[in-house]
Amino acid sequence: MNSSCSVQHIDHVGVAVRDIGAAMKFFEKTFGIKPSPVKVLIDQGVKATLLAVGQTRLELLEPLSAETTVGKFIERRGEGLHHLAFNVEDVSKGLESVKGQGVEVIDKAPREGLSGMIAFLHPRSTFGVLTELVQSVD
C-alpha cells in the first residue's frame, strides 16, 4: 500500500496576471496586503512575487511573453486562479507517493521554484486544478 502525500498547509495560491505591479497595488489598496520584491524566473518564463497573507501566501505571476506557460494560460483563460500549492515536508517523497497512486505529474522530479523545491501535478488528475507540491527551504 502506498503512503499518502501528507500536506502540512496551503503554501500559496497562484494567480496569473498581465501586470504584476498593478496587481500588487490593487491587493495593497484593497486588502492591505503589503507588496514584496518581484523576481524574474527566466526558466519559468515569469515575473513572480509572494505576498504574505497570514500563514498562506498569494503568488502573482506575470508572463515574460505570450509564448510562456503562464502567457498561454492568460490567452486561453484570462487572468485569474492559476494553481494551488500544498506545503509538504519532502517534495521528492510526496511526488513518488502521488505517482505511485496513479496521479499524472508534470514534473518527473522536483525542481527549484520561487517557494522552494517544487513539483506540479497535472490538472487532469486533480479535478481540474493545477496543483503544486512545495518543500520550503529555510
N, C-alpha and C. Protein backbone atom coordinates (compact mmCIF):
# COMPACT_ATOMS: atom_id res chain seq x y z
N MET A 1 0.84 -1.19 0.00
CA MET A 1 0.00 0.00 0.00
C MET A 1 0.89 1.25 0.00
N ASN A 2 0.56 2.20 -0.84
CA ASN A 2 1.33 3.44 -0.92
C ASN A 2 0.95 4.38 0.21
N SER A 3 1.94 5.09 0.74
CA SER A 3 1.63 6.10 1.74
C SER A 3 1.11 7.34 1.04
N SER A 4 0.33 8.11 1.80
CA SER A 4 -0.22 9.33 1.21
C SER A 4 0.83 10.43 1.22
N CYS A 5 0.57 11.44 0.46
CA CYS A 5 1.40 12.64 0.41
C CYS A 5 0.81 13.60 1.44
N SER A 6 1.37 13.64 2.63
CA SER A 6 0.80 14.44 3.72
C SER A 6 1.07 15.93 3.53
N VAL A 7 -0.02 16.69 3.54
CA VAL A 7 0.05 18.14 3.36
C VAL A 7 0.12 18.80 4.73
N GLN A 8 1.05 19.74 4.89
CA GLN A 8 1.18 20.48 6.16
C GLN A 8 0.24 21.68 6.21
N HIS A 9 0.12 22.38 5.09
CA HIS A 9 -0.80 23.52 4.98
C HIS A 9 -0.82 24.00 3.53
N ILE A 10 -1.76 24.88 3.22
CA ILE A 10 -1.76 25.51 1.90
C ILE A 10 -0.61 26.51 1.90
N ASP A 11 0.33 26.29 1.01
CA ASP A 11 1.51 27.16 0.93
C ASP A 11 1.16 28.48 0.26
N HIS A 12 0.54 28.38 -0.91
CA HIS A 12 0.14 29.60 -1.62
C HIS A 12 -0.89 29.29 -2.69
N VAL A 13 -1.50 30.35 -3.17
CA VAL A 13 -2.42 30.29 -4.30
C VAL A 13 -1.80 31.15 -5.39
N GLY A 14 -1.62 30.56 -6.57
CA GLY A 14 -1.01 31.27 -7.68
C GLY A 14 -2.06 31.94 -8.54
N VAL A 15 -1.82 33.20 -8.89
CA VAL A 15 -2.73 33.98 -9.72
C VAL A 15 -1.96 34.53 -10.91
N ALA A 16 -2.45 34.23 -12.10
CA ALA A 16 -1.83 34.74 -13.33
C ALA A 16 -2.37 36.15 -13.59
N VAL A 17 -1.47 37.10 -13.82
CA VAL A 17 -1.85 38.50 -14.06
C VAL A 17 -1.08 39.04 -15.27
N ARG A 18 -1.64 40.04 -15.89
CA ARG A 18 -0.96 40.68 -17.03
C ARG A 18 0.08 41.70 -16.56
N ASP A 19 -0.19 42.34 -15.40
CA ASP A 19 0.68 43.40 -14.90
C ASP A 19 0.87 43.21 -13.39
N ILE A 20 2.02 42.68 -13.01
CA ILE A 20 2.27 42.35 -11.61
C ILE A 20 2.28 43.60 -10.73
N GLY A 21 2.79 44.71 -11.25
CA GLY A 21 2.81 45.95 -10.48
C GLY A 21 1.41 46.44 -10.17
N ALA A 22 0.53 46.42 -11.17
CA ALA A 22 -0.86 46.85 -10.97
C ALA A 22 -1.58 45.91 -10.00
N ALA A 23 -1.29 44.62 -10.11
CA ALA A 23 -1.92 43.65 -9.22
C ALA A 23 -1.48 43.88 -7.78
N MET A 24 -0.17 44.12 -7.56
CA MET A 24 0.31 44.38 -6.20
C MET A 24 -0.34 45.63 -5.62
N LYS A 25 -0.46 46.68 -6.43
CA LYS A 25 -1.11 47.91 -5.96
C LYS A 25 -2.55 47.65 -5.57
N PHE A 26 -3.26 46.84 -6.39
CA PHE A 26 -4.65 46.51 -6.09
C PHE A 26 -4.76 45.79 -4.75
N PHE A 27 -3.96 44.75 -4.54
CA PHE A 27 -4.06 43.97 -3.31
C PHE A 27 -3.65 44.78 -2.09
N GLU A 28 -2.72 45.71 -2.26
CA GLU A 28 -2.34 46.57 -1.14
C GLU A 28 -3.45 47.56 -0.82
N LYS A 29 -3.97 48.24 -1.83
CA LYS A 29 -5.01 49.25 -1.61
C LYS A 29 -6.31 48.62 -1.12
N THR A 30 -6.70 47.51 -1.72
CA THR A 30 -7.99 46.91 -1.42
C THR A 30 -7.98 46.08 -0.14
N PHE A 31 -6.92 45.33 0.10
CA PHE A 31 -6.90 44.39 1.22
C PHE A 31 -5.78 44.64 2.24
N GLY A 32 -4.95 45.67 2.01
CA GLY A 32 -3.86 45.97 2.93
C GLY A 32 -2.72 44.97 2.90
N ILE A 33 -2.62 44.21 1.80
CA ILE A 33 -1.55 43.21 1.67
C ILE A 33 -0.30 43.92 1.18
N LYS A 34 0.76 43.83 1.96
CA LYS A 34 2.00 44.54 1.63
C LYS A 34 2.69 43.94 0.42
N PRO A 35 3.24 44.79 -0.45
CA PRO A 35 3.97 44.29 -1.63
C PRO A 35 5.26 43.61 -1.21
N SER A 36 5.77 42.76 -2.08
CA SER A 36 7.02 42.04 -1.87
C SER A 36 7.89 42.20 -3.11
N PRO A 37 9.17 41.94 -2.98
CA PRO A 37 10.04 42.04 -4.15
C PRO A 37 9.60 41.09 -5.28
N VAL A 38 9.79 41.56 -6.49
CA VAL A 38 9.46 40.77 -7.68
C VAL A 38 10.75 40.14 -8.19
N LYS A 39 10.67 38.84 -8.51
CA LYS A 39 11.81 38.13 -9.07
C LYS A 39 11.48 37.71 -10.49
N VAL A 40 12.49 37.73 -11.35
CA VAL A 40 12.34 37.24 -12.72
C VAL A 40 12.86 35.81 -12.73
N LEU A 41 12.00 34.86 -13.13
CA LEU A 41 12.37 33.46 -13.21
C LEU A 41 12.40 33.08 -14.69
N ILE A 42 13.54 33.26 -15.30
CA ILE A 42 13.70 33.03 -16.74
C ILE A 42 13.27 31.62 -17.12
N ASP A 43 13.71 30.61 -16.34
CA ASP A 43 13.39 29.22 -16.68
C ASP A 43 11.90 28.92 -16.64
N GLN A 44 11.13 29.71 -15.88
CA GLN A 44 9.69 29.52 -15.82
C GLN A 44 8.93 30.55 -16.67
N GLY A 45 9.66 31.51 -17.20
CA GLY A 45 9.06 32.49 -18.09
C GLY A 45 8.12 33.48 -17.41
N VAL A 46 8.44 33.82 -16.14
CA VAL A 46 7.56 34.73 -15.41
C VAL A 46 8.34 35.72 -14.56
N LYS A 47 7.64 36.81 -14.23
CA LYS A 47 8.00 37.67 -13.11
C LYS A 47 7.06 37.19 -12.01
N ALA A 48 7.57 37.04 -10.78
CA ALA A 48 6.73 36.50 -9.72
C ALA A 48 7.04 37.15 -8.39
N THR A 49 6.03 37.17 -7.52
CA THR A 49 6.19 37.64 -6.16
C THR A 49 5.28 36.83 -5.26
N LEU A 50 5.65 36.76 -4.00
CA LEU A 50 4.84 36.10 -2.99
C LEU A 50 4.40 37.13 -1.97
N LEU A 51 3.09 37.34 -1.86
CA LEU A 51 2.54 38.29 -0.92
C LEU A 51 2.04 37.54 0.30
N ALA A 52 2.50 37.93 1.49
CA ALA A 52 2.11 37.25 2.73
C ALA A 52 0.68 37.59 3.11
N VAL A 53 -0.10 36.54 3.35
CA VAL A 53 -1.48 36.69 3.82
C VAL A 53 -1.63 35.67 4.96
N GLY A 54 -1.20 36.06 6.17
CA GLY A 54 -1.16 35.12 7.28
C GLY A 54 -0.14 34.04 6.99
N GLN A 55 -0.49 32.77 7.27
CA GLN A 55 0.42 31.66 7.00
C GLN A 55 0.49 31.35 5.52
N THR A 56 -0.54 31.71 4.78
CA THR A 56 -0.61 31.43 3.36
C THR A 56 -0.06 32.62 2.59
N ARG A 57 0.28 32.39 1.34
CA ARG A 57 0.78 33.47 0.51
C ARG A 57 0.00 33.50 -0.80
N LEU A 58 0.02 34.63 -1.42
CA LEU A 58 -0.57 34.83 -2.74
C LEU A 58 0.59 35.03 -3.70
N GLU A 59 0.71 34.14 -4.69
CA GLU A 59 1.78 34.25 -5.68
C GLU A 59 1.22 34.89 -6.94
N LEU A 60 1.77 36.03 -7.31
CA LEU A 60 1.36 36.71 -8.54
C LEU A 60 2.37 36.35 -9.62
N LEU A 61 1.86 35.96 -10.80
CA LEU A 61 2.69 35.52 -11.91
C LEU A 61 2.37 36.33 -13.15
N GLU A 62 3.36 37.06 -13.64
CA GLU A 62 3.21 37.81 -14.89
C GLU A 62 4.10 37.14 -15.94
N PRO A 63 3.52 36.76 -17.08
CA PRO A 63 4.35 36.10 -18.11
C PRO A 63 5.36 37.06 -18.71
N LEU A 64 6.54 36.51 -19.05
CA LEU A 64 7.56 37.31 -19.73
C LEU A 64 7.23 37.48 -21.21
N SER A 65 6.41 36.55 -21.75
CA SER A 65 5.95 36.66 -23.13
C SER A 65 4.68 35.82 -23.29
N ALA A 66 4.01 36.01 -24.40
CA ALA A 66 2.78 35.26 -24.68
C ALA A 66 3.05 33.79 -24.94
N GLU A 67 4.30 33.43 -25.23
CA GLU A 67 4.64 32.04 -25.56
C GLU A 67 4.94 31.19 -24.33
N THR A 68 5.03 31.80 -23.15
CA THR A 68 5.32 31.04 -21.93
C THR A 68 4.06 30.30 -21.47
N THR A 69 4.24 29.38 -20.53
CA THR A 69 3.10 28.63 -20.00
C THR A 69 2.05 29.56 -19.41
N VAL A 70 2.48 30.53 -18.61
CA VAL A 70 1.52 31.47 -17.99
C VAL A 70 0.95 32.40 -19.06
N GLY A 71 1.75 32.79 -20.04
CA GLY A 71 1.25 33.61 -21.14
C GLY A 71 0.15 32.91 -21.91
N LYS A 72 0.34 31.63 -22.20
CA LYS A 72 -0.68 30.83 -22.89
C LYS A 72 -1.92 30.65 -22.02
N PHE A 73 -1.70 30.48 -20.72
CA PHE A 73 -2.81 30.35 -19.79
C PHE A 73 -3.70 31.59 -19.85
N ILE A 74 -3.09 32.77 -19.77
CA ILE A 74 -3.85 34.02 -19.81
C ILE A 74 -4.56 34.18 -21.15
N GLU A 75 -3.89 33.81 -22.23
CA GLU A 75 -4.50 33.91 -23.56
C GLU A 75 -5.75 33.04 -23.66
N ARG A 76 -5.68 31.81 -23.11
CA ARG A 76 -6.81 30.88 -23.18
C ARG A 76 -7.92 31.21 -22.18
N ARG A 77 -7.52 31.55 -20.94
CA ARG A 77 -8.50 31.66 -19.86
C ARG A 77 -8.65 33.05 -19.27
N GLY A 78 -7.71 33.94 -19.60
CA GLY A 78 -7.72 35.26 -18.98
C GLY A 78 -6.99 35.21 -17.65
N GLU A 79 -6.90 36.35 -17.01
CA GLU A 79 -6.24 36.43 -15.71
C GLU A 79 -7.06 35.65 -14.68
N GLY A 80 -6.38 35.17 -13.66
CA GLY A 80 -7.11 34.53 -12.58
C GLY A 80 -6.35 33.40 -11.93
N LEU A 81 -7.09 32.60 -11.17
CA LEU A 81 -6.52 31.49 -10.42
C LEU A 81 -5.74 30.57 -11.35
N HIS A 82 -4.48 30.37 -11.05
CA HIS A 82 -3.60 29.54 -11.87
C HIS A 82 -3.32 28.20 -11.23
N HIS A 83 -2.98 28.19 -9.93
CA HIS A 83 -2.68 26.93 -9.25
C HIS A 83 -2.85 27.04 -7.75
N LEU A 84 -2.91 25.87 -7.12
CA LEU A 84 -2.98 25.74 -5.68
C LEU A 84 -1.73 24.98 -5.24
N ALA A 85 -1.04 25.50 -4.23
CA ALA A 85 0.21 24.88 -3.78
C ALA A 85 0.09 24.36 -2.36
N PHE A 86 0.43 23.08 -2.19
CA PHE A 86 0.42 22.45 -0.88
C PHE A 86 1.84 22.34 -0.35
N ASN A 87 2.05 22.72 0.91
CA ASN A 87 3.34 22.58 1.54
C ASN A 87 3.47 21.15 2.07
N VAL A 88 4.55 20.49 1.69
CA VAL A 88 4.83 19.13 2.14
C VAL A 88 6.22 19.10 2.76
N GLU A 89 6.45 18.13 3.63
CA GLU A 89 7.75 18.03 4.30
C GLU A 89 8.86 17.67 3.33
N ASP A 90 8.56 16.75 2.39
CA ASP A 90 9.58 16.27 1.46
C ASP A 90 8.94 16.14 0.08
N VAL A 91 9.25 17.06 -0.82
CA VAL A 91 8.61 17.07 -2.14
C VAL A 91 8.97 15.83 -2.95
N SER A 92 10.18 15.30 -2.79
CA SER A 92 10.56 14.08 -3.51
C SER A 92 9.68 12.90 -3.10
N LYS A 93 9.52 12.72 -1.81
CA LYS A 93 8.67 11.63 -1.31
C LYS A 93 7.22 11.85 -1.69
N GLY A 94 6.76 13.09 -1.60
CA GLY A 94 5.38 13.40 -1.98
C GLY A 94 5.13 13.10 -3.44
N LEU A 95 6.08 13.45 -4.29
CA LEU A 95 5.95 13.21 -5.72
C LEU A 95 5.92 11.71 -6.00
N GLU A 96 6.78 10.95 -5.37
CA GLU A 96 6.79 9.50 -5.55
C GLU A 96 5.48 8.88 -5.05
N SER A 97 4.96 9.41 -3.95
CA SER A 97 3.71 8.89 -3.39
C SER A 97 2.55 9.08 -4.36
N VAL A 98 2.41 10.29 -4.91
CA VAL A 98 1.28 10.54 -5.81
C VAL A 98 1.44 9.77 -7.12
N LYS A 99 2.68 9.66 -7.61
CA LYS A 99 2.91 8.87 -8.83
C LYS A 99 2.54 7.41 -8.58
N GLY A 100 2.86 6.90 -7.39
CA GLY A 100 2.51 5.53 -7.04
C GLY A 100 1.02 5.29 -6.96
N GLN A 101 0.26 6.36 -6.78
CA GLN A 101 -1.19 6.27 -6.72
C GLN A 101 -1.84 6.54 -8.08
N GLY A 102 -0.99 6.70 -9.11
CA GLY A 102 -1.52 6.90 -10.46
C GLY A 102 -1.83 8.33 -10.83
N VAL A 103 -1.41 9.28 -10.01
CA VAL A 103 -1.64 10.69 -10.32
C VAL A 103 -0.68 11.10 -11.44
N GLU A 104 -1.21 11.76 -12.45
CA GLU A 104 -0.38 12.25 -13.56
C GLU A 104 0.39 13.47 -13.09
N VAL A 105 1.70 13.48 -13.33
CA VAL A 105 2.54 14.60 -12.90
C VAL A 105 3.09 15.34 -14.10
N ILE A 106 3.37 16.60 -13.89
CA ILE A 106 4.02 17.42 -14.91
C ILE A 106 5.53 17.34 -14.72
N ASP A 107 5.96 17.49 -13.47
CA ASP A 107 7.39 17.41 -13.14
C ASP A 107 7.72 15.99 -12.70
N LYS A 108 8.63 15.34 -13.40
CA LYS A 108 9.05 13.98 -13.06
C LYS A 108 9.95 13.97 -11.83
N ALA A 109 10.60 15.10 -11.56
CA ALA A 109 11.48 15.25 -10.39
C ALA A 109 11.31 16.67 -9.86
N PRO A 110 11.58 16.88 -8.57
CA PRO A 110 11.48 18.23 -8.01
C PRO A 110 12.47 19.18 -8.68
N ARG A 111 12.11 20.46 -8.67
CA ARG A 111 12.99 21.49 -9.22
C ARG A 111 12.87 22.72 -8.33
N GLU A 112 13.80 23.64 -8.49
CA GLU A 112 13.79 24.85 -7.68
C GLU A 112 12.74 25.82 -8.22
N GLY A 113 11.98 26.40 -7.29
CA GLY A 113 10.97 27.40 -7.65
C GLY A 113 11.07 28.59 -6.71
N LEU A 114 10.17 29.52 -6.85
CA LEU A 114 10.16 30.72 -6.03
C LEU A 114 9.95 30.39 -4.56
N SER A 115 9.18 29.34 -4.28
CA SER A 115 8.81 28.99 -2.90
C SER A 115 9.72 27.95 -2.26
N GLY A 116 10.64 27.39 -3.00
CA GLY A 116 11.49 26.31 -2.51
C GLY A 116 11.56 25.23 -3.57
N MET A 117 11.67 23.98 -3.15
CA MET A 117 11.65 22.87 -4.10
C MET A 117 10.19 22.57 -4.45
N ILE A 118 9.91 22.42 -5.75
CA ILE A 118 8.53 22.29 -6.21
C ILE A 118 8.38 21.15 -7.20
N ALA A 119 7.13 20.74 -7.38
CA ALA A 119 6.77 19.80 -8.43
C ALA A 119 5.27 19.98 -8.70
N PHE A 120 4.90 19.98 -9.97
CA PHE A 120 3.50 20.18 -10.34
C PHE A 120 2.82 18.87 -10.71
N LEU A 121 1.54 18.77 -10.34
CA LEU A 121 0.68 17.65 -10.68
C LEU A 121 -0.28 18.11 -11.76
N HIS A 122 -0.60 17.24 -12.71
CA HIS A 122 -1.44 17.63 -13.84
C HIS A 122 -2.89 17.80 -13.40
N PRO A 123 -3.55 18.86 -13.88
CA PRO A 123 -4.95 19.09 -13.51
C PRO A 123 -5.90 17.95 -13.90
N ARG A 124 -5.53 17.14 -14.90
CA ARG A 124 -6.39 16.01 -15.27
C ARG A 124 -6.55 15.02 -14.12
N SER A 125 -5.57 15.00 -13.24
CA SER A 125 -5.60 14.07 -12.11
C SER A 125 -6.07 14.71 -10.81
N THR A 126 -6.27 16.02 -10.82
CA THR A 126 -6.59 16.73 -9.58
C THR A 126 -7.85 17.58 -9.73
N PHE A 127 -8.85 17.00 -10.37
CA PHE A 127 -10.17 17.64 -10.52
C PHE A 127 -10.10 19.02 -11.17
N GLY A 128 -9.20 19.15 -12.15
CA GLY A 128 -9.12 20.37 -12.93
C GLY A 128 -8.28 21.48 -12.31
N VAL A 129 -7.64 21.22 -11.18
CA VAL A 129 -6.84 22.24 -10.51
C VAL A 129 -5.35 21.92 -10.67
N LEU A 130 -4.60 22.80 -11.32
CA LEU A 130 -3.15 22.65 -11.38
C LEU A 130 -2.66 22.71 -9.94
N THR A 131 -1.97 21.66 -9.50
CA THR A 131 -1.58 21.54 -8.10
C THR A 131 -0.06 21.45 -8.00
N GLU A 132 0.48 22.20 -7.05
CA GLU A 132 1.92 22.25 -6.84
C GLU A 132 2.25 21.70 -5.45
N LEU A 133 3.28 20.88 -5.37
CA LEU A 133 3.83 20.47 -4.08
C LEU A 133 5.03 21.35 -3.82
N VAL A 134 5.14 21.87 -2.60
CA VAL A 134 6.22 22.78 -2.24
C VAL A 134 6.90 22.30 -0.97
N GLN A 135 8.21 22.22 -1.01
CA GLN A 135 9.01 21.97 0.18
C GLN A 135 9.76 23.25 0.48
N SER A 136 9.40 23.90 1.57
CA SER A 136 10.03 25.16 1.92
C SER A 136 11.51 24.97 2.19
N VAL A 137 12.30 25.92 1.77
CA VAL A 137 13.73 25.92 2.03
C VAL A 137 13.99 27.03 3.04
N ASP A 138 14.50 26.64 4.18
CA ASP A 138 14.76 27.66 5.24
C ASP A 138 16.18 28.11 5.24
